[in-house]
Amino acid sequence: MKSMMATAAAAAVGMAVGAAVMYAGGAGHRQMRRSIRQVARGAEKAMLDLDRMVEKFIN
């Protein structure tokens, strides 16, 4: 179960970073870094929320 969560987390973060790079491609370097950081934080928060929900479901 943990390896599946790790794989899903890596995929979610990878997709989020890829989307941020594509979105910010036309913007400046500083804006691109800011966008990537925001998306990465959002993806991390989503994975933590998912982990909590799974823990509550299991226990």
PDB file of N, CA and C in Angstrom:
ATOM      1  N   MET A   1       0.823  -1.185   0.000  1.00  0.00           N
ATOM      2  CA  MET A   1       0.000   0.000   0.000  1.00  0.00           C
ATOM      3  C   MET A   1       0.870   1.254   0.000  1.00  0.00           C
ATOM      4  N   LYS A   2       1.971   1.230   0.795  1.00  0.00           N
ATOM      5  CA  LYS A   2       2.833   2.409   0.857  1.00  0.00           C
ATOM      6  C   LYS A   2       3.529   2.659  -0.465  1.00  0.00           C
ATOM      7  N   SER A   3       3.965   1.601  -1.157  1.00  0.00           N
ATOM      8  CA  SER A   3       4.644   1.809  -2.429  1.00  0.00           C
ATOM      9  C   SER A   3       3.683   2.385  -3.463  1.00  0.00           C
ATOM     10  N   MET A   4       2.415   1.974  -3.392  1.00  0.00           N
ATOM     11  CA  MET A   4       1.423   2.526  -4.310  1.00  0.00           C
ATOM     12  C   MET A   4       1.208   4.009  -4.019  1.00  0.00           C
ATOM     13  N   MET A   5       1.178   4.392  -2.730  1.00  0.00           N
ATOM     14  CA  MET A   5       1.012   5.799  -2.358  1.00  0.00           C
ATOM     15  C   MET A   5       2.213   6.615  -2.826  1.00  0.00           C
ATOM     16  N   ALA A   6       3.415   6.059  -2.678  1.00  0.00           N
ATOM     17  CA  ALA A   6       4.614   6.772  -3.104  1.00  0.00           C
ATOM     18  C   ALA A   6       4.605   6.979  -4.613  1.00  0.00           C
ATOM     19  N   THR A   7       4.183   5.974  -5.359  1.00  0.00           N
ATOM     20  CA  THR A   7       4.104   6.089  -6.808  1.00  0.00           C
ATOM     21  C   THR A   7       3.071   7.123  -7.212  1.00  0.00           C
ATOM     22  N   ALA A   8       1.920   7.114  -6.561  1.00  0.00           N
ATOM     23  CA  ALA A   8       0.883   8.093  -6.859  1.00  0.00           C
ATOM     24  C   ALA A   8       1.350   9.496  -6.506  1.00  0.00           C
ATOM     25  N   ALA A   9       2.060   9.625  -5.402  1.00  0.00           N
ATOM     26  CA  ALA A   9       2.570  10.939  -4.991  1.00  0.00           C
ATOM     27  C   ALA A   9       3.572  11.467  -6.009  1.00  0.00           C
ATOM     28  N   ALA A  10       4.474  10.614  -6.440  1.00  0.00           N
ATOM     29  CA  ALA A  10       5.475  11.032  -7.420  1.00  0.00           C
ATOM     30  C   ALA A  10       4.816  11.437  -8.731  1.00  0.00           C
ATOM     31  N   ALA A  11       3.811  10.690  -9.147  1.00  0.00           N
ATOM     32  CA  ALA A  11       3.108  11.017 -10.387  1.00  0.00           C
ATOM     33  C   ALA A  11       2.372  12.345 -10.257  1.00  0.00           C
ATOM     34  N   ALA A  12       1.722  12.570  -9.122  1.00  0.00           N
ATOM     35  CA  ALA A  12       0.977  13.815  -8.915  1.00  0.00           C
ATOM     36  C   ALA A  12       1.911  15.017  -8.900  1.00  0.00           C
ATOM     37  N   VAL A  13       3.021  14.889  -8.211  1.00  0.00           N
ATOM     38  CA  VAL A  13       3.974  15.998  -8.151  1.00  0.00           C
ATOM     39  C   VAL A  13       4.578  16.240  -9.530  1.00  0.00           C
ATOM     40  N   GLY A  14       4.899  15.197 -10.240  1.00  0.00           N
ATOM     41  CA  GLY A  14       5.452  15.343 -11.584  1.00  0.00           C
ATOM     42  C   GLY A  14       4.489  16.032 -12.534  1.00  0.00           C
ATOM     43  N   MET A  15       3.225  15.646 -12.476  1.00  0.00           N
ATOM     44  CA  MET A  15       2.226  16.293 -13.330  1.00  0.00           C
ATOM     45  C   MET A  15       2.049  17.750 -12.945  1.00  0.00           C
ATOM     46  N   ALA A  16       2.057  18.035 -11.650  1.00  0.00           N
ATOM     47  CA  ALA A  16       1.876  19.418 -11.192  1.00  0.00           C
ATOM     48  C   ALA A  16       3.033  20.299 -11.651  1.00  0.00           C
ATOM     49  N   VAL A  17       4.241  19.800 -11.508  1.00  0.00           N
ATOM     50  CA  VAL A  17       5.408  20.581 -11.924  1.00  0.00           C
ATOM     51  C   VAL A  17       5.412  20.764 -13.439  1.00  0.00           C
ATOM     52  N   GLY A  18       5.065  19.726 -14.166  1.00  0.00           N
ATOM     53  CA  GLY A  18       4.995  19.840 -15.623  1.00  0.00           C
ATOM     54  C   GLY A  18       3.971  20.865 -16.071  1.00  0.00           C
ATOM     55  N   ALA A  19       2.821  20.863 -15.428  1.00  0.00           N
ATOM     56  CA  ALA A  19       1.787  21.844 -15.770  1.00  0.00           C
ATOM     57  C   ALA A  19       2.247  23.256 -15.445  1.00  0.00           C
ATOM     58  N   ALA A  20       2.933  23.416 -14.321  1.00  0.00           N
ATOM     59  CA  ALA A  20       3.419  24.750 -13.950  1.00  0.00           C
ATOM     60  C   ALA A  20       4.456  25.252 -14.939  1.00  0.00           C
ATOM     61  N   VAL A  21       5.321  24.373 -15.388  1.00  0.00           N
ATOM     62  CA  VAL A  21       6.345  24.767 -16.360  1.00  0.00           C
ATOM     63  C   VAL A  21       5.698  25.177 -17.673  1.00  0.00           C
ATOM     64  N   MET A  22       4.715  24.421 -18.118  1.00  0.00           N
ATOM     65  CA  MET A  22       4.034  24.765 -19.368  1.00  0.00           C
ATOM     66  C   MET A  22       3.282  26.086 -19.226  1.00  0.00           C
ATOM     67  N   TYR A  23       2.634  26.288 -18.086  1.00  0.00           N
ATOM     68  CA  TYR A  23       1.873  27.513 -17.856  1.00  0.00           C
ATOM     69  C   TYR A  23       2.785  28.726 -17.820  1.00  0.00           C
ATOM     70  N   ALA A  24       3.893  28.587 -17.126  1.00  0.00           N
ATOM     71  CA  ALA A  24       4.781  29.724 -16.920  1.00  0.00           C
ATOM     72  C   ALA A  24       5.837  29.853 -18.011  1.00  0.00           C
ATOM     73  N   GLY A  25       5.744  29.065 -19.048  1.00  0.00           N
ATOM     74  CA  GLY A  25       6.740  29.107 -20.108  1.00  0.00           C
ATOM     75  C   GLY A  25       6.875  30.467 -20.747  1.00  0.00           C
ATOM     76  N   GLY A  26       5.772  31.188 -20.879  1.00  0.00           N
ATOM     77  CA  GLY A  26       5.820  32.510 -21.481  1.00  0.00           C
ATOM     78  C   GLY A  26       6.194  33.600 -20.498  1.00  0.00           C
ATOM     79  N   ALA A  27       6.122  33.322 -19.218  1.00  0.00           N
ATOM     80  CA  ALA A  27       6.425  34.325 -18.193  1.00  0.00           C
ATOM     81  C   ALA A  27       7.921  34.357 -17.910  1.00  0.00           C
ATOM     82  N   GLY A  28       8.317  35.277 -17.076  1.00  0.00           N
ATOM     83  CA  GLY A  28       9.724  35.408 -16.719  1.00  0.00           C
ATOM     84  C   GLY A  28      10.174  34.281 -15.808  1.00  0.00           C
ATOM     85  N   HIS A  29      11.471  34.222 -15.605  1.00  0.00           N
ATOM     86  CA  HIS A  29      12.069  33.158 -14.796  1.00  0.00           C
ATOM     87  C   HIS A  29      11.557  33.207 -13.362  1.00  0.00           C
ATOM     88  N   ARG A  30      11.440  34.388 -12.786  1.00  0.00           N
ATOM     89  CA  ARG A  30      10.973  34.520 -11.405  1.00  0.00           C
ATOM     90  C   ARG A  30       9.527  34.052 -11.275  1.00  0.00           C
ATOM     91  N   GLN A  31       8.691  34.432 -12.236  1.00  0.00           N
ATOM     92  CA  GLN A  31       7.287  34.011 -12.200  1.00  0.00           C
ATOM     93  C   GLN A  31       7.168  32.497 -12.351  1.00  0.00           C
ATOM     94  N   MET A  32       8.019  31.909 -13.191  1.00  0.00           N
ATOM     95  CA  MET A  32       7.989  30.464 -13.386  1.00  0.00           C
ATOM     96  C   MET A  32       8.372  29.754 -12.083  1.00  0.00           C
ATOM     97  N   ARG A  33       9.414  30.224 -11.397  1.00  0.00           N
ATOM     98  CA  ARG A  33       9.806  29.611 -10.127  1.00  0.00           C
ATOM     99  C   ARG A  33       8.698  29.727  -9.098  1.00  0.00           C
ATOM    100  N   ARG A  34       8.041  30.888  -9.046  1.00  0.00           N
ATOM    101  CA  ARG A  34       6.952  31.096  -8.089  1.00  0.00           C
ATOM    102  C   ARG A  34       5.790  30.152  -8.391  1.00  0.00           C
ATOM    103  N   SER A  35       5.444  30.017  -9.657  1.00  0.00           N
ATOM    104  CA  SER A  35       4.338  29.135 -10.039  1.00  0.00           C
ATOM    105  C   SER A  35       4.645  27.679  -9.702  1.00  0.00           C
ATOM    106  N   ILE A  36       5.861  27.257  -9.986  1.00  0.00           N
ATOM    107  CA  ILE A  36       6.252  25.872  -9.687  1.00  0.00           C
ATOM    108  C   ILE A  36       6.188  25.623  -8.186  1.00  0.00           C
ATOM    109  N   ARG A  37       6.656  26.582  -7.396  1.00  0.00           N
ATOM    110  CA  ARG A  37       6.625  26.431  -5.947  1.00  0.00           C
ATOM    111  C   ARG A  37       5.191  26.328  -5.437  1.00  0.00           C
ATOM    112  N   GLN A  38       4.302  27.159  -5.959  1.00  0.00           N
ATOM    113  CA  GLN A  38       2.905  27.119  -5.530  1.00  0.00           C
ATOM    114  C   GLN A  38       2.246  25.798  -5.900  1.00  0.00           C
ATOM    115  N   VAL A  39       2.500  25.326  -7.097  1.00  0.00           N
ATOM    116  CA  VAL A  39       1.907  24.063  -7.532  1.00  0.00           C
ATOM    117  C   VAL A  39       2.467  22.904  -6.715  1.00  0.00           C
ATOM    118  N   ALA A  40       3.757  22.942  -6.434  1.00  0.00           N
ATOM    119  CA  ALA A  40       4.358  21.873  -5.631  1.00  0.00           C
ATOM    120  C   ALA A  40       3.766  21.853  -4.223  1.00  0.00           C
ATOM    121  N   ARG A  41       3.554  23.033  -3.640  1.00  0.00           N
ATOM    122  CA  ARG A  41       2.920  23.082  -2.314  1.00  0.00           C
ATOM    123  C   ARG A  41       1.510  22.514  -2.361  1.00  0.00           C
ATOM    124  N   GLY A  42       0.765  22.861  -3.395  1.00  0.00           N
ATOM    125  CA  GLY A  42      -0.595  22.348  -3.537  1.00  0.00           C
ATOM    126  C   GLY A  42      -0.611  20.837  -3.696  1.00  0.00           C
ATOM    127  N   ALA A  43       0.319  20.303  -4.485  1.00  0.00           N
ATOM    128  CA  ALA A  43       0.391  18.858  -4.676  1.00  0.00           C
ATOM    129  C   ALA A  43       0.779  18.159  -3.380  1.00  0.00           C
ATOM    130  N   GLU A  44       1.701  18.757  -2.641  1.00  0.00           N
ATOM    131  CA  GLU A  44       2.107  18.158  -1.365  1.00  0.00           C
ATOM    132  C   GLU A  44       0.940  18.140  -0.385  1.00  0.00           C
ATOM    133  N   LYS A  45       0.191  19.235  -0.328  1.00  0.00           N
ATOM    134  CA  LYS A  45      -0.963  19.307   0.564  1.00  0.00           C
ATOM    135  C   LYS A  45      -2.021  18.275   0.162  1.00  0.00           C
ATOM    136  N   ALA A  46      -2.245  18.122  -1.128  1.00  0.00           N
ATOM    137  CA  ALA A  46      -3.227  17.142  -1.594  1.00  0.00           C
ATOM    138  C   ALA A  46      -2.809  15.721  -1.210  1.00  0.00           C
ATOM    139  N   MET A  47      -1.519  15.415  -1.325  1.00  0.00           N
ATOM    140  CA  MET A  47      -1.060  14.080  -0.976  1.00  0.00           C
ATOM    141  C   MET A  47      -1.151  13.848   0.530  1.00  0.00           C
ATOM    142  N   LEU A  48      -0.887  14.864   1.337  1.00  0.00           N
ATOM    143  CA  LEU A  48      -1.029  14.721   2.786  1.00  0.00           C
ATOM    144  C   LEU A  48      -2.490  14.493   3.161  1.00  0.00           C
ATOM    145  N   ASP A  49      -3.384  15.227   2.509  1.00  0.00           N
ATOM    146  CA  ASP A  49      -4.814  15.033   2.759  1.00  0.00           C
ATOM    147  C   ASP A  49      -5.250  13.625   2.373  1.00  0.00           C
ATOM    148  N   LEU A  50      -4.762  13.145   1.234  1.00  0.00           N
ATOM    149  CA  LEU A  50      -5.094  11.791   0.780  1.00  0.00           C
ATOM    150  C   LEU A  50      -4.555  10.755   1.759  1.00  0.00           C
ATOM    151  N   ASP A  51      -3.346  10.965   2.234  1.00  0.00           N
ATOM    152  CA  ASP A  51      -2.754  10.035   3.205  1.00  0.00           C
ATOM    153  C   ASP A  51      -3.589   9.995   4.485  1.00  0.00           C
ATOM    154  N   ARG A  52      -4.032  11.164   4.959  1.00  0.00           N
ATOM    155  CA  ARG A  52      -4.884  11.196   6.160  1.00  0.00           C
ATOM    156  C   ARG A  52      -6.195  10.459   5.939  1.00  0.00           C
ATOM    157  N   MET A  53      -6.795  10.647   4.772  1.00  0.00           N
ATOM    158  CA  MET A  53      -8.057   9.965   4.486  1.00  0.00           C
ATOM    159  C   MET A  53      -7.876   8.457   4.452  1.00  0.00           C
ATOM    160  N   VAL A  54      -6.766   7.994   3.861  1.00  0.00           N
ATOM    161  CA  VAL A  54      -6.497   6.553   3.809  1.00  0.00           C
ATOM    162  C   VAL A  54      -6.273   6.013   5.211  1.00  0.00           C
ATOM    163  N   GLU A  55      -5.524   6.742   6.031  1.00  0.00           N
ATOM    164  CA  GLU A  55      -5.289   6.310   7.417  1.00  0.00           C
ATOM    165  C   GLU A  55      -6.590   6.193   8.179  1.00  0.00           C
ATOM    166  N   LYS A  56      -7.488   7.172   8.025  1.00  0.00           N
ATOM    167  CA  LYS A  56      -8.774   7.120   8.710  1.00  0.00           C
ATOM    168  C   LYS A  56      -9.612   5.944   8.206  1.00  0.00           C
ATOM    169  N   PHE A  57      -9.534   5.663   6.915  1.00  0.00           N
ATOM    170  CA  PHE A  57     -10.286   4.566   6.334  1.00  0.00           C
ATOM    171  C   PHE A  57      -9.783   3.222   6.851  1.00  0.00           C
ATOM    172  N   ILE A  58      -8.470   3.085   6.946  1.00  0.00           N
ATOM    173  CA  ILE A  58      -7.866   1.830   7.400  1.00  0.00           C
ATOM    174  C   ILE A  58      -8.121   1.610   8.878  1.00  0.00           C
ATOM    175  N   ASN A  59      -8.001   2.661   9.671  1.00  0.00           N
ATOM    176  CA  ASN A  59      -8.135   2.524  11.118  1.00  0.00           C
ATOM    177  C   ASN A  59      -9.545   2.755  11.489  1.00  0.00           C
TER     178      ASN A  59
END
